[in-house]
PDB file of N, CA and C in Angstrom:
ATOM      1  N   MET A   1      -3.695 -20.945   3.931  1.00  0.00           N
ATOM      2  CA  MET A   1      -3.308 -22.374   4.231  1.00  0.00           C
ATOM      3  C   MET A   1      -3.226 -22.371   5.712  1.00  0.00           C
ATOM      4  N   LYS A   2      -3.699 -23.508   6.302  1.00  0.00           N
ATOM      5  CA  LYS A   2      -3.650 -23.753   7.697  1.00  0.00           C
ATOM      6  C   LYS A   2      -2.172 -24.181   8.101  1.00  0.00           C
ATOM      7  N   LYS A   3      -1.751 -23.664   9.145  1.00  0.00           N
ATOM      8  CA  LYS A   3      -0.365 -23.972   9.663  1.00  0.00           C
ATOM      9  C   LYS A   3      -0.482 -25.264  10.295  1.00  0.00           C
ATOM     10  N   ARG A   4       0.560 -26.112  10.223  1.00  0.00           N
ATOM     11  CA  ARG A   4       0.624 -27.413  10.781  1.00  0.00           C
ATOM     12  C   ARG A   4       1.581 -27.406  12.009  1.00  0.00           C
ATOM     13  N   ILE A   5       1.133 -27.131  13.060  1.00  0.00           N
ATOM     14  CA  ILE A   5       1.968 -26.873  14.300  1.00  0.00           C
ATOM     15  C   ILE A   5       1.912 -28.267  14.920  1.00  0.00           C
ATOM     16  N   ILE A   6       3.097 -28.799  15.357  1.00  0.00           N
ATOM     17  CA  ILE A   6       3.204 -30.062  16.152  1.00  0.00           C
ATOM     18  C   ILE A   6       3.404 -29.738  17.523  1.00  0.00           C
ATOM     19  N   ASP A   7       2.409 -30.267  18.341  1.00  0.00           N
ATOM     20  CA  ASP A   7       2.406 -30.088  19.808  1.00  0.00           C
ATOM     21  C   ASP A   7       2.678 -31.491  20.490  1.00  0.00           C
ATOM     22  N   LYS A   8       3.952 -31.981  20.188  1.00  0.00           N
ATOM     23  CA  LYS A   8       4.445 -33.241  20.659  1.00  0.00           C
ATOM     24  C   LYS A   8       5.898 -33.084  21.068  1.00  0.00           C
ATOM     25  N   LYS A   9       6.233 -34.075  22.100  1.00  0.00           N
ATOM     26  CA  LYS A   9       7.635 -34.141  22.409  1.00  0.00           C
ATOM     27  C   LYS A   9       8.094 -35.528  22.353  1.00  0.00           C
ATOM     28  N   ALA A  10       9.445 -35.817  22.290  1.00  0.00           N
ATOM     29  CA  ALA A  10       9.945 -37.157  22.142  1.00  0.00           C
ATOM     30  C   ALA A  10       9.578 -37.895  23.553  1.00  0.00           C
ATOM     31  N   ASN A  11       9.402 -39.103  23.436  1.00  0.00           N
ATOM     32  CA  ASN A  11       9.195 -39.969  24.643  1.00  0.00           C
ATOM     33  C   ASN A  11      10.360 -39.923  25.520  1.00  0.00           C
ATOM     34  N   GLU A  12       9.986 -39.725  26.828  1.00  0.00           N
ATOM     35  CA  GLU A  12      11.142 -39.672  27.965  1.00  0.00           C
ATOM     36  C   GLU A  12      11.898 -41.010  28.089  1.00  0.00           C
ATOM     37  N   TRP A  13      11.466 -42.073  27.526  1.00  0.00           N
ATOM     38  CA  TRP A  13      12.243 -43.366  27.635  1.00  0.00           C
ATOM     39  C   TRP A  13      13.332 -43.413  26.494  1.00  0.00           C
ATOM     40  N   LEU A  14      13.222 -42.429  25.639  1.00  0.00           N
ATOM     41  CA  LEU A  14      14.439 -42.317  24.541  1.00  0.00           C
ATOM     42  C   LEU A  14      15.617 -41.824  25.188  1.00  0.00           C
ATOM     43  N   PRO A  15      16.716 -42.228  24.631  1.00  0.00           N
ATOM     44  CA  PRO A  15      18.031 -41.640  25.158  1.00  0.00           C
ATOM     45  C   PRO A  15      17.886 -40.080  25.114  1.00  0.00           C
ATOM     46  N   GLN A  16      18.598 -39.467  26.083  1.00  0.00           N
ATOM     47  CA  GLN A  16      18.368 -37.982  26.290  1.00  0.00           C
ATOM     48  C   GLN A  16      18.952 -37.241  24.964  1.00  0.00           C
ATOM     49  N   ASP A  17      20.095 -37.634  24.364  1.00  0.00           N
ATOM     50  CA  ASP A  17      20.503 -36.881  23.211  1.00  0.00           C
ATOM     51  C   ASP A  17      19.478 -37.008  21.972  1.00  0.00           C
ATOM     52  N   LEU A  18      18.844 -38.260  21.916  1.00  0.00           N
ATOM     53  CA  LEU A  18      17.805 -38.401  20.867  1.00  0.00           C
ATOM     54  C   LEU A  18      16.560 -37.552  21.191  1.00  0.00           C
ATOM     55  N   GLN A  19      16.190 -37.509  22.457  1.00  0.00           N
ATOM     56  CA  GLN A  19      15.026 -36.734  22.802  1.00  0.00           C
ATOM     57  C   GLN A  19      15.387 -35.275  22.398  1.00  0.00           C
ATOM     58  N   ASN A  20      16.507 -34.769  22.759  1.00  0.00           N
ATOM     59  CA  ASN A  20      16.923 -33.419  22.337  1.00  0.00           C
ATOM     60  C   ASN A  20      16.844 -33.143  20.836  1.00  0.00           C
ATOM     61  N   ALA A  21      17.388 -34.082  20.084  1.00  0.00           N
ATOM     62  CA  ALA A  21      17.485 -34.010  18.632  1.00  0.00           C
ATOM     63  C   ALA A  21      15.971 -33.944  18.126  1.00  0.00           C
ATOM     64  N   ILE A  22      15.118 -34.738  18.561  1.00  0.00           N
ATOM     65  CA  ILE A  22      13.798 -34.819  18.067  1.00  0.00           C
ATOM     66  C   ILE A  22      13.097 -33.517  18.457  1.00  0.00           C
ATOM     67  N   ASN A  23      13.098 -33.120  19.680  1.00  0.00           N
ATOM     68  CA  ASN A  23      12.483 -32.008  20.104  1.00  0.00           C
ATOM     69  C   ASN A  23      12.979 -30.735  19.409  1.00  0.00           C
ATOM     70  N   THR A  24      14.223 -30.579  19.153  1.00  0.00           N
ATOM     71  CA  THR A  24      14.724 -29.489  18.421  1.00  0.00           C
ATOM     72  C   THR A  24      14.248 -29.525  16.969  1.00  0.00           C
ATOM     73  N   PHE A  25      14.129 -30.681  16.388  1.00  0.00           N
ATOM     74  CA  PHE A  25      13.732 -30.745  15.061  1.00  0.00           C
ATOM     75  C   PHE A  25      12.148 -30.243  15.014  1.00  0.00           C
ATOM     76  N   VAL A  26      11.374 -30.741  15.944  1.00  0.00           N
ATOM     77  CA  VAL A  26       9.916 -30.415  15.931  1.00  0.00           C
ATOM     78  C   VAL A  26       9.798 -28.903  16.200  1.00  0.00           C
ATOM     79  N   GLU A  27      10.695 -28.345  17.030  1.00  0.00           N
ATOM     80  CA  GLU A  27      10.656 -26.925  17.219  1.00  0.00           C
ATOM     81  C   GLU A  27      11.068 -26.133  15.952  1.00  0.00           C
ATOM     82  N   GLN A  28      11.938 -26.660  15.301  1.00  0.00           N
ATOM     83  CA  GLN A  28      12.414 -25.903  14.084  1.00  0.00           C
ATOM     84  C   GLN A  28      11.189 -26.154  13.013  1.00  0.00           C
ATOM     85  N   PHE A  29      10.561 -27.185  13.004  1.00  0.00           N
ATOM     86  CA  PHE A  29       9.460 -27.469  12.024  1.00  0.00           C
ATOM     87  C   PHE A  29       8.361 -26.349  12.456  1.00  0.00           C
ATOM     88  N   ASN A  30       8.039 -26.158  13.774  1.00  0.00           N
ATOM     89  CA  ASN A  30       7.088 -25.214  14.022  1.00  0.00           C
ATOM     90  C   ASN A  30       7.357 -23.779  13.701  1.00  0.00           C
ATOM     91  N   ILE A  31       8.773 -23.550  13.796  1.00  0.00           N
ATOM     92  CA  ILE A  31       9.300 -22.159  13.536  1.00  0.00           C
ATOM     93  C   ILE A  31       9.069 -21.969  11.934  1.00  0.00           C
ATOM     94  N   MET A  32       9.396 -22.963  11.077  1.00  0.00           N
ATOM     95  CA  MET A  32       9.105 -23.004   9.817  1.00  0.00           C
ATOM     96  C   MET A  32       7.728 -22.621   9.482  1.00  0.00           C
ATOM     97  N   GLU A  33       6.706 -23.233  10.024  1.00  0.00           N
ATOM     98  CA  GLU A  33       5.264 -23.109   9.798  1.00  0.00           C
ATOM     99  C   GLU A  33       4.979 -21.621  10.281  1.00  0.00           C
ATOM    100  N   GLU A  34       5.332 -21.322  11.409  1.00  0.00           N
ATOM    101  CA  GLU A  34       4.964 -19.967  12.036  1.00  0.00           C
ATOM    102  C   GLU A  34       5.478 -18.795  11.102  1.00  0.00           C
ATOM    103  N   TYR A  35       6.694 -18.932  10.492  1.00  0.00           N
ATOM    104  CA  TYR A  35       7.143 -17.787   9.735  1.00  0.00           C
ATOM    105  C   TYR A  35       7.017 -18.075   8.290  1.00  0.00           C
ATOM    106  N   ASP A  36       6.309 -19.064   7.871  1.00  0.00           N
ATOM    107  CA  ASP A  36       6.227 -19.309   6.465  1.00  0.00           C
ATOM    108  C   ASP A  36       7.439 -19.536   5.787  1.00  0.00           C
ATOM    109  N   LEU A  37       8.337 -20.188   6.316  1.00  0.00           N
ATOM    110  CA  LEU A  37       9.625 -20.500   5.692  1.00  0.00           C
ATOM    111  C   LEU A  37       9.514 -21.749   4.677  1.00  0.00           C
ATOM    112  N   ASP A  38      10.384 -21.823   3.841  1.00  0.00           N
ATOM    113  CA  ASP A  38      10.415 -22.957   2.887  1.00  0.00           C
ATOM    114  C   ASP A  38      10.819 -24.199   3.364  1.00  0.00           C
ATOM    115  N   HIS A  39      11.880 -23.997   4.286  1.00  0.00           N
ATOM    116  CA  HIS A  39      12.398 -25.430   4.744  1.00  0.00           C
ATOM    117  C   HIS A  39      13.102 -25.142   6.233  1.00  0.00           C
ATOM    118  N   ILE A  40      13.376 -26.336   6.781  1.00  0.00           N
ATOM    119  CA  ILE A  40      14.101 -26.230   7.997  1.00  0.00           C
ATOM    120  C   ILE A  40      15.696 -26.301   7.626  1.00  0.00           C
ATOM    121  N   PRO A  41      16.465 -25.447   8.406  1.00  0.00           N
ATOM    122  CA  PRO A  41      17.845 -25.460   8.067  1.00  0.00           C
ATOM    123  C   PRO A  41      18.406 -27.045   8.170  1.00  0.00           C
ATOM    124  N   PRO A  42      19.013 -27.417   7.265  1.00  0.00           N
ATOM    125  CA  PRO A  42      19.523 -28.828   6.939  1.00  0.00           C
ATOM    126  C   PRO A  42      20.323 -29.336   8.251  1.00  0.00           C
ATOM    127  N   GLU A  43      20.993 -28.493   8.949  1.00  0.00           N
ATOM    128  CA  GLU A  43      21.880 -29.057  10.035  1.00  0.00           C
ATOM    129  C   GLU A  43      21.050 -29.670  11.136  1.00  0.00           C
ATOM    130  N   TYR A  44      19.692 -29.356  11.188  1.00  0.00           N
ATOM    131  CA  TYR A  44      18.889 -29.943  12.231  1.00  0.00           C
ATOM    132  C   TYR A  44      18.484 -31.384  11.869  1.00  0.00           C
ATOM    133  N   LEU A  45      18.250 -31.512  10.538  1.00  0.00           N
ATOM    134  CA  LEU A  45      17.972 -32.897  10.043  1.00  0.00           C
ATOM    135  C   LEU A  45      19.234 -33.798  10.114  1.00  0.00           C
ATOM    136  N   VAL A  46      20.362 -33.205   9.819  1.00  0.00           N
ATOM    137  CA  VAL A  46      21.635 -33.947   9.811  1.00  0.00           C
ATOM    138  C   VAL A  46      21.996 -34.337  11.254  1.00  0.00           C
ATOM    139  N   LYS A  47      21.761 -33.459  12.192  1.00  0.00           N
ATOM    140  CA  LYS A  47      21.925 -33.768  13.556  1.00  0.00           C
ATOM    141  C   LYS A  47      21.005 -35.002  13.959  1.00  0.00           C
ATOM    142  N   LEU A  48      19.715 -34.838  13.650  1.00  0.00           N
ATOM    143  CA  LEU A  48      18.859 -35.771  14.014  1.00  0.00           C
ATOM    144  C   LEU A  48      19.332 -37.262  13.460  1.00  0.00           C
ATOM    145  N   PHE A  49      19.632 -37.203  12.256  1.00  0.00           N
ATOM    146  CA  PHE A  49      20.152 -38.512  11.608  1.00  0.00           C
ATOM    147  C   PHE A  49      21.434 -39.017  12.228  1.00  0.00           C
ATOM    148  N   LYS A  50      22.264 -38.120  12.481  1.00  0.00           N
ATOM    149  CA  LYS A  50      23.619 -38.604  13.196  1.00  0.00           C
ATOM    150  C   LYS A  50      23.383 -39.252  14.581  1.00  0.00           C
ATOM    151  N   ILE A  51      22.470 -38.556  15.311  1.00  0.00           N
ATOM    152  CA  ILE A  51      22.194 -39.169  16.659  1.00  0.00           C
ATOM    153  C   ILE A  51      21.492 -40.399  16.584  1.00  0.00           C
ATOM    154  N   MET A  52      20.451 -40.459  15.623  1.00  0.00           N
ATOM    155  CA  MET A  52      19.687 -41.728  15.395  1.00  0.00           C
ATOM    156  C   MET A  52      20.657 -42.871  15.003  1.00  0.00           C
ATOM    157  N   SER A  53      21.592 -42.621  14.252  1.00  0.00           N
ATOM    158  CA  SER A  53      22.549 -43.637  13.770  1.00  0.00           C
ATOM    159  C   SER A  53      23.322 -44.349  14.895  1.00  0.00           C
ATOM    160  N   LYS A  54      23.423 -43.661  15.977  1.00  0.00           N
ATOM    161  CA  LYS A  54      24.106 -44.156  17.214  1.00  0.00           C
ATOM    162  C   LYS A  54      23.292 -45.378  17.774  1.00  0.00           C
ATOM    163  N   TYR A  55      22.057 -45.450  17.531  1.00  0.00           N
ATOM    164  CA  TYR A  55      21.175 -46.351  18.212  1.00  0.00           C
ATOM    165  C   TYR A  55      20.595 -47.378  17.083  1.00  0.00           C
ATOM    166  N   PRO A  56      21.194 -48.665  16.977  1.00  0.00           N
ATOM    167  CA  PRO A  56      20.863 -49.562  16.049  1.00  0.00           C
ATOM    168  C   PRO A  56      19.386 -49.926  16.150  1.00  0.00           C
ATOM    169  N   GLN A  57      18.752 -49.875  17.339  1.00  0.00           N
ATOM    170  CA  GLN A  57      17.371 -50.235  17.436  1.00  0.00           C
ATOM    171  C   GLN A  57      16.452 -49.427  16.640  1.00  0.00           C
ATOM    172  N   TYR A  58      16.864 -48.189  16.351  1.00  0.00           N
ATOM    173  CA  TYR A  58      16.074 -47.274  15.565  1.00  0.00           C
ATOM    174  C   TYR A  58      16.562 -47.056  14.134  1.00  0.00           C
ATOM    175  N   ASN A  59      17.270 -48.039  13.650  1.00  0.00           N
ATOM    176  CA  ASN A  59      17.739 -48.115  12.252  1.00  0.00           C
ATOM    177  C   ASN A  59      16.703 -48.049  11.235  1.00  0.00           C
ATOM    178  N   ASN A  60      15.578 -48.927  11.455  1.00  0.00           N
ATOM    179  CA  ASN A  60      14.428 -48.863  10.479  1.00  0.00           C
ATOM    180  C   ASN A  60      13.840 -47.575  10.458  1.00  0.00           C
ATOM    181  N   VAL A  61      13.520 -46.857  11.463  1.00  0.00           N
ATOM    182  CA  VAL A  61      13.070 -45.611  11.412  1.00  0.00           C
ATOM    183  C   VAL A  61      13.972 -44.647  10.707  1.00  0.00           C
ATOM    184  N   LEU A  62      15.274 -44.620  11.074  1.00  0.00           N
ATOM    185  CA  LEU A  62      16.251 -43.747  10.376  1.00  0.00           C
ATOM    186  C   LEU A  62      16.184 -43.912   8.867  1.00  0.00           C
ATOM    187  N   LEU A  63      16.166 -45.241   8.417  1.00  0.00           N
ATOM    188  CA  LEU A  63      16.136 -45.507   6.991  1.00  0.00           C
ATOM    189  C   LEU A  63      14.821 -44.959   6.418  1.00  0.00           C
ATOM    190  N   ASP A  64      13.662 -45.191   7.108  1.00  0.00           N
ATOM    191  CA  ASP A  64      12.412 -44.664   6.623  1.00  0.00           C
ATOM    192  C   ASP A  64      12.522 -43.147   6.426  1.00  0.00           C
ATOM    193  N   LEU A  65      13.056 -42.495   7.453  1.00  0.00           N
ATOM    194  CA  LEU A  65      13.288 -40.936   7.411  1.00  0.00           C
ATOM    195  C   LEU A  65      14.105 -40.568   6.239  1.00  0.00           C
ATOM    196  N   ILE A  66      15.180 -41.220   5.940  1.00  0.00           N
ATOM    197  CA  ILE A  66      16.070 -40.879   4.937  1.00  0.00           C
ATOM    198  C   ILE A  66      15.440 -41.157   3.501  1.00  0.00           C
ATOM    199  N   SER A  67      14.570 -42.304   3.512  1.00  0.00           N
ATOM    200  CA  SER A  67      13.948 -42.491   2.238  1.00  0.00           C
ATOM    201  C   SER A  67      12.863 -41.368   1.980  1.00  0.00           C
ATOM    202  N   ILE A  68      12.180 -41.008   2.914  1.00  0.00           N
ATOM    203  CA  ILE A  68      11.210 -39.933   2.851  1.00  0.00           C
ATOM    204  C   ILE A  68      11.819 -38.663   2.365  1.00  0.00           C
ATOM    205  N   MET A  69      12.971 -38.300   2.926  1.00  0.00           N
ATOM    206  CA  MET A  69      13.806 -37.025   2.626  1.00  0.00           C
ATOM    207  C   MET A  69      14.264 -37.273   1.046  1.00  0.00           C
ATOM    208  N   LYS A  70      14.719 -38.394   0.835  1.00  0.00           N
ATOM    209  CA  LYS A  70      15.191 -38.546  -0.556  1.00  0.00           C
ATOM    210  C   LYS A  70      14.252 -38.406  -1.590  1.00  0.00           C
ATOM    211  N   ASP A  71      12.908 -38.889  -1.268  1.00  0.00           N
ATOM    212  CA  ASP A  71      11.766 -38.776  -2.125  1.00  0.00           C
ATOM    213  C   ASP A  71      11.500 -37.191  -2.373  1.00  0.00           C
ATOM    214  N   LYS A  72      11.559 -36.519  -1.355  1.00  0.00           N
ATOM    215  CA  LYS A  72      11.261 -35.078  -1.328  1.00  0.00           C
ATOM    216  C   LYS A  72      12.199 -34.205  -2.198  1.00  0.00           C
ATOM    217  N   VAL A  73      13.450 -34.707  -2.172  1.00  0.00           N
ATOM    218  CA  VAL A  73      14.521 -33.965  -2.871  1.00  0.00           C
ATOM    219  C   VAL A  73      14.504 -34.169  -4.356  1.00  0.00           C
ATOM    220  N   GLU A  74      14.071 -35.526  -4.681  1.00  0.00           N
ATOM    221  CA  GLU A  74      14.065 -35.932  -6.143  1.00  0.00           C
ATOM    222  C   GLU A  74      12.877 -35.402  -6.870  1.00  0.00           C
TER     223      GLU A  74
END
């Protein structure tokens, strides 16, 4: 199976803490793919969600991500 490496970074116009959380999550995704791990440690997703929740303008994106994750778990 081909590895899905993400070669992207958060936009610089985003708040710095949100940039950091997104970039860290992407980095963890790449580590998961590189080492054929089953999942990303949940604390990275939790941190991303917590930081996103501080910014109401990203509420729709946050709710979409939660919905996607909920579907994956069920």
